[in-house]
Amino acid sequence: MTTAMTTTAGADAVARLATAAATRTPCAPVREFLGTTDIDAAYSVQRRLNADRVASGARVVGAKIGLTAPAVQQQFGVFQPDFGVLFDDMVYAHTEPVPLGTLLQPRAEGEIAFVLGRDIDNPGASVADVLRATEFVLPAIEIVDSRIEGWDLTITDTVADNASTGAVVLGTTPYSLRGLDLAQVGMVLDCDGEPVSFGAGHACLGSPVVAVAWLARELVRREQVLRAGDVIMSGALGPMVPFGEAHTFRLRLDGLGQVDAVIEEAST
């Protein structure tokens, strides 16, 4: 494939995903342009879309790791993690209403969010580096979303689409990592009071700390850095739960409290 063709294919993928987001209409997969294995090309599309958001006034506040839990990998047949960017308008607090109308094909999943107190810029970043850099963690619900119709994804589709990022809801009580083994943290995600997803920290690449270390190394490899103050969604602890109407999701984590995501229909 020539450089000109690659550039054109990337531009076509950018245009398709941008139109889907702007019109709130899911689109066909972008692997038509990118293929199914060229992850670098997919991240190039992601960077271009994210740069356009920043140019329009959005502010980057962190990152998310996707496709960490075996249950989620099995759901999509994609067996490697990826990452995307969190913007300020994606972040909600415990019980703060999340408008359903801002989402296309939402699914909820329980996670642990890391808030960094220092940069991680080591190309060989280790678990120890992550533990030293983490100021605190929070219980968090990610509302993953996809601009790709029917969640018909390969790795290039989801990477290009900012790792299928939609919104995140953060708990309001910070927890120190000192003496806490995140691999052993159990998770229950309720929907309107009924348990709908179960999991544990070890489902996230062995531990959420391992997942964040992977992200730090991957970003440095791509000439990016995790910064002090960043919020890092470390990945799902169990299966994601699709929904299409107003609900209240409650995530309960052993030793890390709980957080509620209140999904509201648009008022008439």
C-alpha atoms as a PDB file:
ATOM      1  CA  MET A   1       0.000   0.000   0.000  1.00  0.00           C
ATOM      2  CA  THR A   2       1.420   3.403  -0.938  1.00  0.00           C
ATOM      3  CA  THR A   3       1.762   6.291   1.488  1.00  0.00           C
ATOM      4  CA  ALA A   4      -0.877   8.234  -0.446  1.00  0.00           C
ATOM      5  CA  MET A   5      -3.315   5.350  -0.132  1.00  0.00           C
ATOM      6  CA  THR A   6      -2.561   5.024   3.589  1.00  0.00           C
ATOM      7  CA  THR A   7      -3.160   8.741   4.112  1.00  0.00           C
ATOM      8  CA  THR A   8      -6.424   8.572   2.191  1.00  0.00           C
ATOM      9  CA  ALA A   9      -7.580   5.524   4.123  1.00  0.00           C
ATOM     10  CA  GLY A  10      -6.837   7.264   7.425  1.00  0.00           C
ATOM     11  CA  ALA A  11      -8.710  10.369   6.340  1.00  0.00           C
ATOM     12  CA  ASP A  12     -11.701   8.255   5.326  1.00  0.00           C
ATOM     13  CA  ALA A  13     -11.723   6.548   8.726  1.00  0.00           C
ATOM     14  CA  VAL A  14     -11.497   9.908  10.503  1.00  0.00           C
ATOM     15  CA  ALA A  15     -14.361  11.314   8.443  1.00  0.00           C
ATOM     16  CA  ARG A  16     -16.594   8.290   9.038  1.00  0.00           C
ATOM     17  CA  LEU A  17     -16.119   8.294  12.822  1.00  0.00           C
ATOM     18  CA  ALA A  18     -16.405  12.082  13.082  1.00  0.00           C
ATOM     19  CA  THR A  19     -19.678  12.034  11.165  1.00  0.00           C
ATOM     20  CA  ALA A  20     -21.043   9.245  13.369  1.00  0.00           C
ATOM     21  CA  ALA A  21     -20.211  11.228  16.502  1.00  0.00           C
ATOM     22  CA  ALA A  22     -21.598  14.507  15.147  1.00  0.00           C
ATOM     23  CA  THR A  23     -24.848  13.041  13.814  1.00  0.00           C
ATOM     24  CA  ARG A  24     -25.239  10.537  16.651  1.00  0.00           C
ATOM     25  CA  THR A  25     -25.702   7.798  14.084  1.00  0.00           C
ATOM     26  CA  PRO A  26     -23.598   4.615  14.349  1.00  0.00           C
ATOM     27  CA  CYS A  27     -21.473   3.881  11.301  1.00  0.00           C
ATOM     28  CA  ALA A  28     -20.005   0.904   9.482  1.00  0.00           C
ATOM     29  CA  PRO A  29     -16.689  -0.450  10.772  1.00  0.00           C
ATOM     30  CA  VAL A  30     -13.566   1.448   9.739  1.00  0.00           C
ATOM     31  CA  ARG A  31     -11.552  -1.723   9.160  1.00  0.00           C
ATOM     32  CA  GLU A  32     -12.714  -1.260   5.565  1.00  0.00           C
ATOM     33  CA  PHE A  33     -10.038   1.454   5.429  1.00  0.00           C
ATOM     34  CA  LEU A  34      -7.532   0.278   8.043  1.00  0.00           C
ATOM     35  CA  GLY A  35      -7.605  -3.492   7.801  1.00  0.00           C
ATOM     36  CA  THR A  36      -7.771  -5.631  10.923  1.00  0.00           C
ATOM     37  CA  THR A  37      -4.146  -5.728  12.083  1.00  0.00           C
ATOM     38  CA  ASP A  38      -2.568  -2.279  11.565  1.00  0.00           C
ATOM     39  CA  ILE A  39      -2.899  -0.978  15.116  1.00  0.00           C
ATOM     40  CA  ASP A  40      -0.477   1.896  14.492  1.00  0.00           C
ATOM     41  CA  ALA A  41      -2.722   3.191  11.709  1.00  0.00           C
ATOM     42  CA  ALA A  42      -5.726   2.941  14.037  1.00  0.00           C
ATOM     43  CA  TYR A  43      -3.948   4.944  16.751  1.00  0.00           C
ATOM     44  CA  SER A  44      -3.072   7.543  14.124  1.00  0.00           C
ATOM     45  CA  VAL A  45      -6.795   7.918  13.372  1.00  0.00           C
ATOM     46  CA  GLN A  46      -7.527   8.155  17.108  1.00  0.00           C
ATOM     47  CA  ARG A  47      -4.916  10.913  17.537  1.00  0.00           C
ATOM     48  CA  ARG A  48      -6.351  12.927  14.659  1.00  0.00           C
ATOM     49  CA  LEU A  49      -9.894  12.695  16.021  1.00  0.00           C
ATOM     50  CA  ASN A  50      -8.742  13.587  19.526  1.00  0.00           C
ATOM     51  CA  ALA A  51      -6.712  16.534  18.239  1.00  0.00           C
ATOM     52  CA  ASP A  52      -9.845  17.857  16.573  1.00  0.00           C
ATOM     53  CA  ARG A  53     -11.700  17.617  19.897  1.00  0.00           C
ATOM     54  CA  VAL A  54      -8.951  19.545  21.663  1.00  0.00           C
ATOM     55  CA  ALA A  55      -9.008  22.181  18.927  1.00  0.00           C
ATOM     56  CA  SER A  56     -12.760  22.532  19.566  1.00  0.00           C
ATOM     57  CA  GLY A  57     -12.155  23.254  23.257  1.00  0.00           C
ATOM     58  CA  ALA A  58     -12.179  19.852  24.963  1.00  0.00           C
ATOM     59  CA  ARG A  59      -9.557  19.232  27.641  1.00  0.00           C
ATOM     60  CA  VAL A  60      -7.709  15.931  28.116  1.00  0.00           C
ATOM     61  CA  VAL A  61      -7.970  14.766  31.746  1.00  0.00           C
ATOM     62  CA  GLY A  62      -6.576  11.244  31.530  1.00  0.00           C
ATOM     63  CA  ALA A  63      -6.760   7.932  29.754  1.00  0.00           C
ATOM     64  CA  LYS A  64      -8.627   4.649  29.717  1.00  0.00           C
ATOM     65  CA  ILE A  65      -7.490   1.102  29.188  1.00  0.00           C
ATOM     66  CA  GLY A  66      -9.825  -1.190  27.303  1.00  0.00           C
ATOM     67  CA  LEU A  67     -10.114  -4.906  26.633  1.00  0.00           C
ATOM     68  CA  THR A  68      -8.373  -6.001  29.828  1.00  0.00           C
ATOM     69  CA  ALA A  69     -10.845  -8.525  31.260  1.00  0.00           C
ATOM     70  CA  PRO A  70     -11.135 -11.980  29.656  1.00  0.00           C
ATOM     71  CA  ALA A  71     -14.931 -11.700  29.858  1.00  0.00           C
ATOM     72  CA  VAL A  72     -14.856  -8.511  27.771  1.00  0.00           C
ATOM     73  CA  GLN A  73     -12.280  -9.908  25.356  1.00  0.00           C
ATOM     74  CA  GLN A  74     -14.530 -12.919  24.821  1.00  0.00           C
ATOM     75  CA  GLN A  75     -17.494 -10.615  24.161  1.00  0.00           C
ATOM     76  CA  PHE A  76     -15.683  -9.054  21.188  1.00  0.00           C
ATOM     77  CA  GLY A  77     -13.176 -11.685  20.137  1.00  0.00           C
ATOM     78  CA  VAL A  78     -10.338  -9.170  20.646  1.00  0.00           C
ATOM     79  CA  PHE A  79      -7.590 -10.513  22.880  1.00  0.00           C
ATOM     80  CA  GLN A  80      -5.252  -7.596  23.571  1.00  0.00           C
ATOM     81  CA  PRO A  81      -5.651  -4.363  25.530  1.00  0.00           C
ATOM     82  CA  ASP A  82      -5.899  -0.921  24.001  1.00  0.00           C
ATOM     83  CA  PHE A  83      -6.176   2.643  25.263  1.00  0.00           C
ATOM     84  CA  GLY A  84      -8.018   5.887  24.621  1.00  0.00           C
ATOM     85  CA  VAL A  85      -8.219   9.445  25.929  1.00  0.00           C
ATOM     86  CA  LEU A  86     -10.565  10.849  28.580  1.00  0.00           C
ATOM     87  CA  PHE A  87     -11.909  14.359  28.037  1.00  0.00           C
ATOM     88  CA  ASP A  88     -13.343  16.673  30.685  1.00  0.00           C
ATOM     89  CA  ASP A  89     -16.888  16.436  29.323  1.00  0.00           C
ATOM     90  CA  MET A  90     -16.861  12.642  29.758  1.00  0.00           C
ATOM     91  CA  VAL A  91     -16.342  12.707  33.529  1.00  0.00           C
ATOM     92  CA  TYR A  92     -19.214  12.644  36.036  1.00  0.00           C
ATOM     93  CA  ALA A  93     -19.301  12.322  39.814  1.00  0.00           C
ATOM     94  CA  HIS A  94     -21.153   9.817  42.009  1.00  0.00           C
ATOM     95  CA  THR A  95     -24.963  10.283  41.502  1.00  0.00           C
ATOM     96  CA  GLU A  96     -24.462  13.120  38.992  1.00  0.00           C
ATOM     97  CA  PRO A  97     -26.966  12.529  36.168  1.00  0.00           C
ATOM     98  CA  VAL A  98     -25.503  11.158  32.936  1.00  0.00           C
ATOM     99  CA  PRO A  99     -27.754  12.165  30.008  1.00  0.00           C
ATOM    100  CA  LEU A 100     -28.754   9.129  27.988  1.00  0.00           C
ATOM    101  CA  GLY A 101     -29.010  11.348  24.927  1.00  0.00           C
ATOM    102  CA  THR A 102     -25.233  11.858  24.865  1.00  0.00           C
ATOM    103  CA  LEU A 103     -24.696   8.124  24.316  1.00  0.00           C
ATOM    104  CA  LEU A 104     -25.207   5.898  21.263  1.00  0.00           C
ATOM    105  CA  GLN A 105     -24.872   2.228  22.206  1.00  0.00           C
ATOM    106  CA  PRO A 106     -23.868   2.324  25.874  1.00  0.00           C
ATOM    107  CA  ARG A 107     -22.634  -0.485  28.090  1.00  0.00           C
ATOM    108  CA  ALA A 108     -21.674  -0.219  31.767  1.00  0.00           C
ATOM    109  CA  GLU A 109     -18.702  -1.841  33.451  1.00  0.00           C
ATOM    110  CA  GLY A 110     -17.101  -1.688  36.888  1.00  0.00           C
ATOM    111  CA  GLU A 111     -13.532  -0.441  37.241  1.00  0.00           C
ATOM    112  CA  ILE A 112     -10.957   1.106  39.546  1.00  0.00           C
ATOM    113  CA  ALA A 113      -9.783   4.618  38.626  1.00  0.00           C
ATOM    114  CA  PHE A 114      -6.240   5.743  39.438  1.00  0.00           C
ATOM    115  CA  VAL A 115      -5.444   9.418  40.073  1.00  0.00           C
ATOM    116  CA  LEU A 116      -1.745  10.170  39.647  1.00  0.00           C
ATOM    117  CA  GLY A 117       0.303  12.390  41.916  1.00  0.00           C
ATOM    118  CA  ARG A 118       3.366  12.390  39.672  1.00  0.00           C
ATOM    119  CA  ASP A 119       4.313  11.714  36.055  1.00  0.00           C
ATOM    120  CA  ILE A 120       5.177   8.235  34.808  1.00  0.00           C
ATOM    121  CA  ASP A 121       7.639   8.735  31.966  1.00  0.00           C
ATOM    122  CA  ASN A 122       9.789   5.619  32.292  1.00  0.00           C
ATOM    123  CA  PRO A 123       9.832   3.494  29.105  1.00  0.00           C
ATOM    124  CA  GLY A 124      10.209   0.433  31.325  1.00  0.00           C
ATOM    125  CA  ALA A 125       7.564   1.520  33.842  1.00  0.00           C
ATOM    126  CA  SER A 126       6.947  -1.151  36.479  1.00  0.00           C
ATOM    127  CA  VAL A 127       4.263  -1.919  39.028  1.00  0.00           C
ATOM    128  CA  ALA A 128       6.484  -0.178  41.590  1.00  0.00           C
ATOM    129  CA  ASP A 129       6.519   2.986  39.450  1.00  0.00           C
ATOM    130  CA  VAL A 130       2.720   2.939  39.291  1.00  0.00           C
ATOM    131  CA  LEU A 131       2.377   2.437  43.038  1.00  0.00           C
ATOM    132  CA  ARG A 132       4.746   5.347  43.744  1.00  0.00           C
ATOM    133  CA  ALA A 133       2.989   7.635  41.266  1.00  0.00           C
ATOM    134  CA  THR A 134      -0.595   6.905  42.361  1.00  0.00           C
ATOM    135  CA  GLU A 135      -2.015   9.495  44.760  1.00  0.00           C
ATOM    136  CA  PHE A 136      -5.264   7.577  45.317  1.00  0.00           C
ATOM    137  CA  VAL A 137      -7.797   5.289  43.656  1.00  0.00           C
ATOM    138  CA  LEU A 138     -11.570   5.575  43.296  1.00  0.00           C
ATOM    139  CA  PRO A 139     -14.418   3.197  42.523  1.00  0.00           C
ATOM    140  CA  ALA A 140     -15.576   3.992  38.999  1.00  0.00           C
ATOM    141  CA  ILE A 141     -18.172   3.003  36.440  1.00  0.00           C
ATOM    142  CA  GLU A 142     -17.235   3.355  32.810  1.00  0.00           C
ATOM    143  CA  ILE A 143     -19.988   3.814  30.265  1.00  0.00           C
ATOM    144  CA  VAL A 144     -18.281   2.402  27.208  1.00  0.00           C
ATOM    145  CA  ASP A 145     -19.795   3.386  23.885  1.00  0.00           C
ATOM    146  CA  SER A 146     -19.119   2.783  20.226  1.00  0.00           C
ATOM    147  CA  ARG A 147     -19.658   4.772  17.086  1.00  0.00           C
ATOM    148  CA  ILE A 148     -19.453   1.443  15.197  1.00  0.00           C
ATOM    149  CA  GLU A 149     -22.911   0.046  14.462  1.00  0.00           C
ATOM    150  CA  GLY A 150     -23.833  -3.005  16.494  1.00  0.00           C
ATOM    151  CA  TRP A 151     -20.444  -3.077  18.251  1.00  0.00           C
ATOM    152  CA  ASP A 152     -19.107  -4.962  15.210  1.00  0.00           C
ATOM    153  CA  LEU A 153     -15.473  -4.523  16.220  1.00  0.00           C
ATOM    154  CA  THR A 154     -11.974  -5.657  15.478  1.00  0.00           C
ATOM    155  CA  ILE A 155      -8.999  -4.176  17.325  1.00  0.00           C
ATOM    156  CA  THR A 156      -8.506  -1.489  14.672  1.00  0.00           C
ATOM    157  CA  ASP A 157     -12.149  -0.400  14.868  1.00  0.00           C
ATOM    158  CA  THR A 158     -12.122   0.146  18.615  1.00  0.00           C
ATOM    159  CA  VAL A 159      -8.655   1.724  18.726  1.00  0.00           C
ATOM    160  CA  ALA A 160      -9.583   4.243  16.019  1.00  0.00           C
ATOM    161  CA  ASP A 161     -12.787   5.026  17.922  1.00  0.00           C
ATOM    162  CA  ASN A 162     -10.869   6.183  21.012  1.00  0.00           C
ATOM    163  CA  ALA A 163     -11.083   2.700  22.545  1.00  0.00           C
ATOM    164  CA  SER A 164     -14.894   2.898  22.557  1.00  0.00           C
ATOM    165  CA  THR A 165     -14.936   5.616  25.215  1.00  0.00           C
ATOM    166  CA  GLY A 166     -18.228   7.198  26.287  1.00  0.00           C
ATOM    167  CA  ALA A 167     -18.358   8.481  29.870  1.00  0.00           C
ATOM    168  CA  VAL A 168     -16.977   7.703  33.321  1.00  0.00           C
ATOM    169  CA  VAL A 169     -18.538   8.120  36.744  1.00  0.00           C
ATOM    170  CA  LEU A 170     -16.122   8.516  39.642  1.00  0.00           C
ATOM    171  CA  GLY A 171     -16.633   7.859  43.322  1.00  0.00           C
ATOM    172  CA  THR A 172     -15.984  10.749  45.702  1.00  0.00           C
ATOM    173  CA  THR A 173     -14.028   9.001  48.478  1.00  0.00           C
ATOM    174  CA  PRO A 174     -10.324   8.501  47.720  1.00  0.00           C
ATOM    175  CA  TYR A 175      -8.537   5.339  48.869  1.00  0.00           C
ATOM    176  CA  SER A 176      -4.822   4.845  49.421  1.00  0.00           C
ATOM    177  CA  LEU A 177      -3.105   1.888  47.776  1.00  0.00           C
ATOM    178  CA  ARG A 178      -0.945   1.300  50.849  1.00  0.00           C
ATOM    179  CA  GLY A 179      -1.526  -2.254  52.022  1.00  0.00           C
ATOM    180  CA  LEU A 180      -4.272  -2.830  49.440  1.00  0.00           C
ATOM    181  CA  ASP A 181      -4.043  -5.747  46.988  1.00  0.00           C
ATOM    182  CA  LEU A 182      -6.161  -4.664  44.028  1.00  0.00           C
ATOM    183  CA  ALA A 183      -5.946  -8.129  42.476  1.00  0.00           C
ATOM    184  CA  GLN A 184      -8.090  -9.444  45.335  1.00  0.00           C
ATOM    185  CA  VAL A 185     -10.777  -6.731  45.212  1.00  0.00           C
ATOM    186  CA  GLY A 186     -14.190  -8.223  44.454  1.00  0.00           C
ATOM    187  CA  MET A 187     -16.756  -6.389  42.343  1.00  0.00           C
ATOM    188  CA  VAL A 188     -20.532  -6.424  42.007  1.00  0.00           C
ATOM    189  CA  LEU A 189     -22.328  -4.151  39.543  1.00  0.00           C
ATOM    190  CA  ASP A 190     -26.046  -3.653  40.200  1.00  0.00           C
ATOM    191  CA  CYS A 191     -28.658  -2.247  37.823  1.00  0.00           C
ATOM    192  CA  ASP A 192     -31.686  -0.795  39.619  1.00  0.00           C
ATOM    193  CA  GLY A 193     -30.854  -2.914  42.641  1.00  0.00           C
ATOM    194  CA  GLU A 194     -30.301  -6.210  40.811  1.00  0.00           C
ATOM    195  CA  PRO A 195     -26.795  -7.697  40.421  1.00  0.00           C
ATOM    196  CA  VAL A 196     -25.890  -7.869  36.717  1.00  0.00           C
ATOM    197  CA  SER A 197     -22.093  -8.257  36.621  1.00  0.00           C
ATOM    198  CA  PHE A 198     -19.533  -9.851  38.912  1.00  0.00           C
ATOM    199  CA  GLY A 199     -15.751  -9.718  38.810  1.00  0.00           C
ATOM    200  CA  ALA A 200     -12.493  -9.131  40.628  1.00  0.00           C
ATOM    201  CA  GLY A 201      -9.269  -7.197  40.305  1.00  0.00           C
ATOM    202  CA  HIS A 202      -7.306 -10.172  39.009  1.00  0.00           C
ATOM    203  CA  ALA A 203      -9.521 -10.183  35.884  1.00  0.00           C
ATOM    204  CA  CYS A 204      -7.841  -6.940  34.804  1.00  0.00           C
ATOM    205  CA  LEU A 205      -4.535  -8.215  33.355  1.00  0.00           C
ATOM    206  CA  GLY A 206      -3.849  -9.902  36.708  1.00  0.00           C
ATOM    207  CA  SER A 207      -4.252  -6.625  38.613  1.00  0.00           C
ATOM    208  CA  PRO A 208      -5.319  -3.075  37.723  1.00  0.00           C
ATOM    209  CA  VAL A 209      -1.825  -1.952  38.758  1.00  0.00           C
ATOM    210  CA  VAL A 210      -0.358  -4.210  36.054  1.00  0.00           C
ATOM    211  CA  ALA A 211      -2.764  -2.664  33.535  1.00  0.00           C
ATOM    212  CA  VAL A 212      -1.653   0.882  34.375  1.00  0.00           C
ATOM    213  CA  ALA A 213       2.005  -0.135  34.088  1.00  0.00           C
ATOM    214  CA  TRP A 214       1.240  -1.558  30.628  1.00  0.00           C
ATOM    215  CA  LEU A 215      -0.423   1.739  29.655  1.00  0.00           C
ATOM    216  CA  ALA A 216       2.520   3.817  30.894  1.00  0.00           C
ATOM    217  CA  ARG A 217       4.991   1.794  28.813  1.00  0.00           C
ATOM    218  CA  GLU A 218       2.747   1.818  25.750  1.00  0.00           C
ATOM    219  CA  LEU A 219       2.306   5.595  25.907  1.00  0.00           C
ATOM    220  CA  VAL A 220       6.039   6.246  26.248  1.00  0.00           C
ATOM    221  CA  ARG A 221       6.609   3.961  23.270  1.00  0.00           C
ATOM    222  CA  ARG A 222       4.229   6.228  21.362  1.00  0.00           C
ATOM    223  CA  GLU A 223       5.922   9.417  22.643  1.00  0.00           C
ATOM    224  CA  GLN A 224       3.243  10.233  25.185  1.00  0.00           C
ATOM    225  CA  VAL A 225       3.371  10.361  28.993  1.00  0.00           C
ATOM    226  CA  LEU A 226       1.019   9.879  31.925  1.00  0.00           C
ATOM    227  CA  ARG A 227       0.966  13.142  33.872  1.00  0.00           C
ATOM    228  CA  ALA A 228       0.370  14.099  37.486  1.00  0.00           C
ATOM    229  CA  GLY A 229      -3.353  14.714  37.924  1.00  0.00           C
ATOM    230  CA  ASP A 230      -4.381  12.289  35.199  1.00  0.00           C
ATOM    231  CA  VAL A 231      -7.362  10.031  35.842  1.00  0.00           C
ATOM    232  CA  ILE A 232      -6.681   6.519  34.565  1.00  0.00           C
ATOM    233  CA  MET A 233      -9.533   4.076  34.052  1.00  0.00           C
ATOM    234  CA  SER A 234      -7.647   0.830  34.541  1.00  0.00           C
ATOM    235  CA  GLY A 235     -10.008  -1.592  32.790  1.00  0.00           C
ATOM    236  CA  ALA A 236     -13.064  -3.741  33.391  1.00  0.00           C
ATOM    237  CA  LEU A 237     -13.201  -6.147  36.326  1.00  0.00           C
ATOM    238  CA  GLY A 238     -16.037  -8.151  34.798  1.00  0.00           C
ATOM    239  CA  PRO A 239     -18.508  -8.341  31.882  1.00  0.00           C
ATOM    240  CA  MET A 240     -20.005  -5.147  30.480  1.00  0.00           C
ATOM    241  CA  VAL A 241     -23.772  -4.628  30.641  1.00  0.00           C
ATOM    242  CA  PRO A 242     -25.659  -3.116  27.672  1.00  0.00           C
ATOM    243  CA  PHE A 243     -28.540  -0.709  28.282  1.00  0.00           C
ATOM    244  CA  GLY A 244     -30.757   1.608  26.278  1.00  0.00           C
ATOM    245  CA  GLU A 245     -32.889   3.438  28.800  1.00  0.00           C
ATOM    246  CA  ALA A 246     -32.671   5.213  32.144  1.00  0.00           C
ATOM    247  CA  HIS A 247     -31.154   3.139  34.953  1.00  0.00           C
ATOM    248  CA  THR A 248     -29.157   3.521  38.127  1.00  0.00           C
ATOM    249  CA  PHE A 249     -26.007   1.406  38.220  1.00  0.00           C
ATOM    250  CA  ARG A 250     -24.245   0.852  41.536  1.00  0.00           C
ATOM    251  CA  LEU A 251     -20.713  -0.517  41.679  1.00  0.00           C
ATOM    252  CA  ARG A 252     -19.623  -2.127  44.945  1.00  0.00           C
ATOM    253  CA  LEU A 253     -15.943  -2.893  45.453  1.00  0.00           C
ATOM    254  CA  ASP A 254     -14.504  -4.771  48.430  1.00  0.00           C
ATOM    255  CA  GLY A 255     -12.584  -2.269  50.536  1.00  0.00           C
ATOM    256  CA  LEU A 256     -13.144   0.580  48.065  1.00  0.00           C
ATOM    257  CA  GLY A 257     -16.724   1.620  48.735  1.00  0.00           C
ATOM    258  CA  GLN A 258     -19.233   2.211  45.998  1.00  0.00           C
ATOM    259  CA  VAL A 259     -20.277   4.600  43.253  1.00  0.00           C
ATOM    260  CA  ASP A 260     -23.625   5.210  41.527  1.00  0.00           C
ATOM    261  CA  ALA A 261     -24.086   6.075  37.857  1.00  0.00           C
ATOM    262  CA  VAL A 262     -27.506   7.636  37.327  1.00  0.00           C
ATOM    263  CA  ILE A 263     -28.518   7.431  33.676  1.00  0.00           C
ATOM    264  CA  GLU A 264     -31.325   9.880  32.896  1.00  0.00           C
ATOM    265  CA  GLU A 265     -33.614  10.246  29.895  1.00  0.00           C
ATOM    266  CA  ALA A 266     -33.807  13.687  28.358  1.00  0.00           C
ATOM    267  CA  SER A 267     -36.498  15.843  29.973  1.00  0.00           C
ATOM    268  CA  THR A 268     -39.479  16.724  27.797  1.00  0.00           C
END
